[in-house]
Amino acid sequence: SEALHQRRQQSHDGYLLQETPTQQDLSFETMRKHLPIGSVNRVIDRLLEEIDILKPDQIAVQTQLGDFDQKTMLRQIELWGDKIIPAVNKALCHAGS
C-alpha cells in the first residue's frame, strides 16, 4: 500500500506493523469492486472486462491472499483450472471469431 511505500506505518509491539492510510490508498470497498474476486461468474466477468480494456498478452494470477487453509487454496486452484480459465478462453475465442 501507499502507507508502507511512504513509510507511514507504526509498530505497536515492536514486530507487527499497522499502516496509517493515506489519501492515495484505495478503500477495501473500491479494491473489492475492481478485483476479480467473489463467485466464479464474478471472477470470469471481471477478468473479461479487464482483458477487454487492457488487451494483455499474458495474465498472472495470485490465489494465495490472506491466511486460507490448504483445503480452501486447493479448491481455489481447482476452480481456476476447471471453470474460470476454460470460460475465459471460450469467451475470448468467440469474441475473436
N, C-alpha and C. Protein backbone atom coordinates (compact mmCIF):
# COMPACT_ATOMS: atom_id res chain seq x y z
N SER A 1 0.83 -1.18 0.00
CA SER A 1 0.00 0.00 0.00
C SER A 1 0.87 1.24 0.00
N GLU A 2 0.25 2.34 -0.28
CA GLU A 2 0.95 3.62 -0.28
C GLU A 2 1.55 3.94 1.09
N ALA A 3 0.85 3.54 2.15
CA ALA A 3 1.34 3.82 3.50
C ALA A 3 2.68 3.14 3.75
N LEU A 4 2.82 1.88 3.34
CA LEU A 4 4.09 1.19 3.53
C LEU A 4 5.16 1.76 2.59
N HIS A 5 4.77 2.10 1.37
CA HIS A 5 5.71 2.66 0.41
C HIS A 5 6.28 3.99 0.91
N GLN A 6 5.44 4.79 1.51
CA GLN A 6 5.87 6.10 2.02
C GLN A 6 6.35 6.02 3.47
N ARG A 7 6.46 4.83 4.01
CA ARG A 7 6.92 4.59 5.39
C ARG A 7 6.01 5.29 6.41
N ARG A 8 4.71 5.20 6.18
CA ARG A 8 3.76 5.75 7.14
C ARG A 8 3.07 4.60 7.86
N GLN A 9 3.80 3.94 8.70
CA GLN A 9 3.25 2.85 9.47
C GLN A 9 3.82 2.93 10.88
N GLN A 10 3.19 2.23 11.80
CA GLN A 10 3.63 2.25 13.18
C GLN A 10 3.71 0.82 13.69
N SER A 11 4.64 0.59 14.59
CA SER A 11 4.76 -0.70 15.24
C SER A 11 4.17 -0.60 16.63
N HIS A 12 3.23 -1.50 16.93
CA HIS A 12 2.60 -1.47 18.25
C HIS A 12 3.28 -2.41 19.24
N ASP A 13 3.94 -3.43 18.73
CA ASP A 13 4.55 -4.40 19.63
C ASP A 13 6.01 -4.67 19.26
N GLY A 14 6.60 -3.80 18.46
CA GLY A 14 7.97 -3.99 18.04
C GLY A 14 8.11 -4.98 16.90
N TYR A 15 7.00 -5.54 16.44
CA TYR A 15 7.05 -6.55 15.38
C TYR A 15 6.00 -6.28 14.31
N LEU A 16 4.73 -6.22 14.70
CA LEU A 16 3.63 -6.09 13.75
C LEU A 16 3.45 -4.63 13.35
N LEU A 17 3.44 -4.38 12.03
CA LEU A 17 3.24 -3.02 11.54
C LEU A 17 1.77 -2.75 11.32
N GLN A 18 1.33 -1.59 11.74
CA GLN A 18 -0.03 -1.16 11.45
C GLN A 18 0.07 0.05 10.53
N GLU A 19 -0.52 -0.07 9.35
CA GLU A 19 -0.45 1.00 8.36
C GLU A 19 -1.32 2.18 8.76
N THR A 20 -0.87 3.35 8.40
CA THR A 20 -1.67 4.56 8.53
C THR A 20 -2.08 4.95 7.12
N PRO A 21 -3.35 4.78 6.76
CA PRO A 21 -3.78 5.04 5.38
C PRO A 21 -3.51 6.49 4.95
N THR A 22 -3.22 6.65 3.67
CA THR A 22 -3.06 7.97 3.08
C THR A 22 -4.23 8.23 2.14
N GLN A 23 -4.31 9.44 1.63
CA GLN A 23 -5.39 9.77 0.70
C GLN A 23 -5.28 8.98 -0.60
N GLN A 24 -4.07 8.54 -0.96
CA GLN A 24 -3.87 7.79 -2.19
C GLN A 24 -4.29 6.33 -2.07
N ASP A 25 -4.38 5.81 -0.84
CA ASP A 25 -4.77 4.41 -0.64
C ASP A 25 -6.22 4.20 -1.06
N LEU A 26 -6.46 3.09 -1.73
CA LEU A 26 -7.82 2.72 -2.10
C LEU A 26 -8.52 2.11 -0.89
N SER A 27 -9.81 2.33 -0.79
CA SER A 27 -10.58 1.70 0.28
C SER A 27 -10.75 0.22 -0.06
N PHE A 28 -11.04 -0.60 0.96
CA PHE A 28 -11.28 -2.01 0.71
C PHE A 28 -12.46 -2.19 -0.23
N GLU A 29 -13.48 -1.36 -0.10
CA GLU A 29 -14.65 -1.46 -0.97
C GLU A 29 -14.29 -1.18 -2.43
N THR A 30 -13.45 -0.18 -2.66
CA THR A 30 -13.02 0.12 -4.03
C THR A 30 -12.20 -1.03 -4.60
N MET A 31 -11.29 -1.58 -3.79
CA MET A 31 -10.50 -2.72 -4.26
C MET A 31 -11.39 -3.90 -4.56
N ARG A 32 -12.33 -4.20 -3.67
CA ARG A 32 -13.24 -5.32 -3.85
C ARG A 32 -14.05 -5.16 -5.13
N LYS A 33 -14.46 -3.93 -5.42
CA LYS A 33 -15.27 -3.65 -6.60
C LYS A 33 -14.51 -3.95 -7.90
N HIS A 34 -13.20 -3.71 -7.90
CA HIS A 34 -12.42 -3.80 -9.13
C HIS A 34 -11.58 -5.07 -9.27
N LEU A 35 -11.37 -5.80 -8.19
CA LEU A 35 -10.56 -7.02 -8.26
C LEU A 35 -11.40 -8.21 -8.73
N PRO A 36 -10.78 -9.17 -9.38
CA PRO A 36 -11.51 -10.38 -9.79
C PRO A 36 -11.64 -11.35 -8.62
N ILE A 37 -12.50 -11.00 -7.66
CA ILE A 37 -12.74 -11.85 -6.50
C ILE A 37 -14.23 -12.04 -6.32
N GLY A 38 -14.60 -13.15 -5.71
CA GLY A 38 -16.02 -13.44 -5.47
C GLY A 38 -16.40 -14.77 -6.09
N SER A 39 -17.62 -14.83 -6.57
CA SER A 39 -18.11 -16.07 -7.19
C SER A 39 -17.35 -16.34 -8.49
N VAL A 40 -17.44 -17.58 -8.96
CA VAL A 40 -16.79 -17.95 -10.22
C VAL A 40 -17.25 -17.02 -11.34
N ASN A 41 -18.55 -16.78 -11.44
CA ASN A 41 -19.07 -15.92 -12.51
C ASN A 41 -18.57 -14.49 -12.38
N ARG A 42 -18.48 -13.99 -11.18
CA ARG A 42 -17.96 -12.63 -10.98
C ARG A 42 -16.50 -12.54 -11.39
N VAL A 43 -15.71 -13.54 -11.04
CA VAL A 43 -14.30 -13.54 -11.41
C VAL A 43 -14.17 -13.57 -12.93
N ILE A 44 -14.94 -14.42 -13.58
CA ILE A 44 -14.91 -14.50 -15.04
C ILE A 44 -15.28 -13.15 -15.65
N ASP A 45 -16.37 -12.55 -15.19
CA ASP A 45 -16.82 -11.26 -15.72
C ASP A 45 -15.76 -10.18 -15.53
N ARG A 46 -15.16 -10.11 -14.34
CA ARG A 46 -14.14 -9.08 -14.08
C ARG A 46 -12.92 -9.29 -14.97
N LEU A 47 -12.49 -10.55 -15.13
CA LEU A 47 -11.34 -10.82 -15.99
C LEU A 47 -11.63 -10.42 -17.43
N LEU A 48 -12.81 -10.76 -17.91
CA LEU A 48 -13.16 -10.40 -19.29
C LEU A 48 -13.23 -8.89 -19.48
N GLU A 49 -13.72 -8.17 -18.48
CA GLU A 49 -13.75 -6.70 -18.55
C GLU A 49 -12.32 -6.15 -18.61
N GLU A 50 -11.45 -6.65 -17.74
CA GLU A 50 -10.07 -6.17 -17.72
C GLU A 50 -9.34 -6.51 -19.02
N ILE A 51 -9.56 -7.71 -19.52
CA ILE A 51 -8.92 -8.12 -20.77
C ILE A 51 -9.39 -7.23 -21.92
N ASP A 52 -10.68 -6.92 -21.95
CA ASP A 52 -11.23 -6.06 -22.99
C ASP A 52 -10.62 -4.66 -22.94
N ILE A 53 -10.40 -4.16 -21.75
CA ILE A 53 -9.85 -2.81 -21.60
C ILE A 53 -8.35 -2.78 -21.85
N LEU A 54 -7.62 -3.70 -21.23
CA LEU A 54 -6.15 -3.66 -21.25
C LEU A 54 -5.51 -4.42 -22.41
N LYS A 55 -6.21 -5.40 -22.94
CA LYS A 55 -5.71 -6.24 -24.04
C LYS A 55 -4.32 -6.82 -23.74
N PRO A 56 -4.17 -7.50 -22.59
CA PRO A 56 -2.85 -8.04 -22.23
C PRO A 56 -2.50 -9.28 -23.06
N ASP A 57 -1.21 -9.55 -23.18
CA ASP A 57 -0.75 -10.78 -23.82
C ASP A 57 -0.76 -11.94 -22.84
N GLN A 58 -0.52 -11.64 -21.57
CA GLN A 58 -0.48 -12.66 -20.53
C GLN A 58 -1.12 -12.10 -19.26
N ILE A 59 -1.57 -13.01 -18.40
CA ILE A 59 -2.14 -12.62 -17.12
C ILE A 59 -1.52 -13.50 -16.04
N ALA A 60 -1.07 -12.88 -14.96
CA ALA A 60 -0.57 -13.62 -13.80
C ALA A 60 -1.61 -13.51 -12.70
N VAL A 61 -1.89 -14.61 -12.04
CA VAL A 61 -2.91 -14.64 -11.00
C VAL A 61 -2.29 -15.12 -9.70
N GLN A 62 -2.56 -14.41 -8.62
CA GLN A 62 -2.12 -14.83 -7.29
C GLN A 62 -3.36 -15.25 -6.52
N THR A 63 -3.45 -16.53 -6.21
CA THR A 63 -4.64 -17.02 -5.50
C THR A 63 -4.43 -17.05 -3.99
N GLN A 64 -3.21 -16.94 -3.52
CA GLN A 64 -2.94 -17.00 -2.08
C GLN A 64 -3.02 -15.61 -1.49
N LEU A 65 -4.19 -15.25 -1.02
CA LEU A 65 -4.38 -13.98 -0.34
C LEU A 65 -4.90 -14.27 1.05
N GLY A 66 -4.26 -13.72 2.03
CA GLY A 66 -4.71 -13.97 3.39
C GLY A 66 -4.19 -15.29 3.93
N ASP A 67 -4.88 -15.79 4.92
CA ASP A 67 -4.44 -16.98 5.65
C ASP A 67 -5.42 -18.13 5.44
N PHE A 68 -5.60 -18.54 4.18
CA PHE A 68 -6.51 -19.63 3.88
C PHE A 68 -5.85 -20.97 4.18
N ASP A 69 -6.65 -21.94 4.60
CA ASP A 69 -6.12 -23.28 4.83
C ASP A 69 -5.88 -23.98 3.50
N GLN A 70 -5.17 -25.12 3.55
CA GLN A 70 -4.79 -25.83 2.34
C GLN A 70 -6.01 -26.28 1.54
N LYS A 71 -7.04 -26.76 2.20
CA LYS A 71 -8.24 -27.23 1.51
C LYS A 71 -8.88 -26.10 0.69
N THR A 72 -8.96 -24.92 1.27
CA THR A 72 -9.53 -23.77 0.57
C THR A 72 -8.67 -23.38 -0.62
N MET A 73 -7.36 -23.36 -0.43
CA MET A 73 -6.45 -23.00 -1.52
C MET A 73 -6.53 -24.00 -2.67
N LEU A 74 -6.57 -25.28 -2.35
CA LEU A 74 -6.68 -26.30 -3.40
C LEU A 74 -8.00 -26.16 -4.15
N ARG A 75 -9.07 -25.82 -3.45
CA ARG A 75 -10.36 -25.60 -4.10
C ARG A 75 -10.29 -24.40 -5.04
N GLN A 76 -9.63 -23.33 -4.63
CA GLN A 76 -9.48 -22.17 -5.50
C GLN A 76 -8.72 -22.53 -6.77
N ILE A 77 -7.64 -23.25 -6.63
CA ILE A 77 -6.85 -23.66 -7.79
C ILE A 77 -7.68 -24.54 -8.71
N GLU A 78 -8.45 -25.44 -8.12
CA GLU A 78 -9.34 -26.31 -8.89
C GLU A 78 -10.37 -25.49 -9.67
N LEU A 79 -10.97 -24.50 -9.04
CA LEU A 79 -11.96 -23.65 -9.72
C LEU A 79 -11.32 -22.88 -10.87
N TRP A 80 -10.12 -22.39 -10.68
CA TRP A 80 -9.42 -21.69 -11.76
C TRP A 80 -9.20 -22.63 -12.94
N GLY A 81 -8.73 -23.84 -12.66
CA GLY A 81 -8.42 -24.78 -13.74
C GLY A 81 -9.64 -25.38 -14.40
N ASP A 82 -10.68 -25.65 -13.62
CA ASP A 82 -11.87 -26.33 -14.16
C ASP A 82 -12.93 -25.39 -14.71
N LYS A 83 -13.03 -24.19 -14.16
CA LYS A 83 -14.15 -23.31 -14.53
C LYS A 83 -13.71 -21.97 -15.11
N ILE A 84 -12.87 -21.26 -14.39
CA ILE A 84 -12.57 -19.88 -14.75
C ILE A 84 -11.75 -19.79 -16.04
N ILE A 85 -10.61 -20.45 -16.09
CA ILE A 85 -9.76 -20.37 -17.28
C ILE A 85 -10.47 -20.89 -18.52
N PRO A 86 -11.14 -22.06 -18.46
CA PRO A 86 -11.87 -22.50 -19.65
C PRO A 86 -12.96 -21.52 -20.10
N ALA A 87 -13.68 -20.91 -19.16
CA ALA A 87 -14.74 -19.97 -19.53
C ALA A 87 -14.16 -18.71 -20.17
N VAL A 88 -13.06 -18.22 -19.63
CA VAL A 88 -12.41 -17.03 -20.21
C VAL A 88 -11.89 -17.36 -21.60
N ASN A 89 -11.22 -18.50 -21.75
CA ASN A 89 -10.73 -18.91 -23.07
C ASN A 89 -11.87 -19.03 -24.08
N LYS A 90 -12.97 -19.63 -23.67
CA LYS A 90 -14.12 -19.81 -24.55
C LYS A 90 -14.69 -18.45 -24.98
N ALA A 91 -14.84 -17.55 -24.02
CA ALA A 91 -15.37 -16.22 -24.34
C ALA A 91 -14.43 -15.46 -25.28
N LEU A 92 -13.14 -15.59 -25.07
CA LEU A 92 -12.18 -14.89 -25.92
C LEU A 92 -12.15 -15.49 -27.32
N CYS A 93 -12.30 -16.80 -27.42
CA CYS A 93 -12.34 -17.45 -28.74
C CYS A 93 -13.57 -17.01 -29.52
N HIS A 94 -14.72 -16.91 -28.84
CA HIS A 94 -15.95 -16.46 -29.50
C HIS A 94 -15.85 -14.99 -29.90
N ALA A 95 -15.19 -14.20 -29.08
CA ALA A 95 -15.05 -12.77 -29.38
C ALA A 95 -14.14 -12.55 -30.58
N GLY A 96 -13.16 -13.45 -30.75
CA GLY A 96 -12.21 -13.30 -31.84
C GLY A 96 -12.69 -13.86 -33.16
N SER A 97 -13.81 -14.60 -33.16
CA SER A 97 -14.26 -15.20 -34.42
C SER A 97 -15.34 -14.40 -35.09
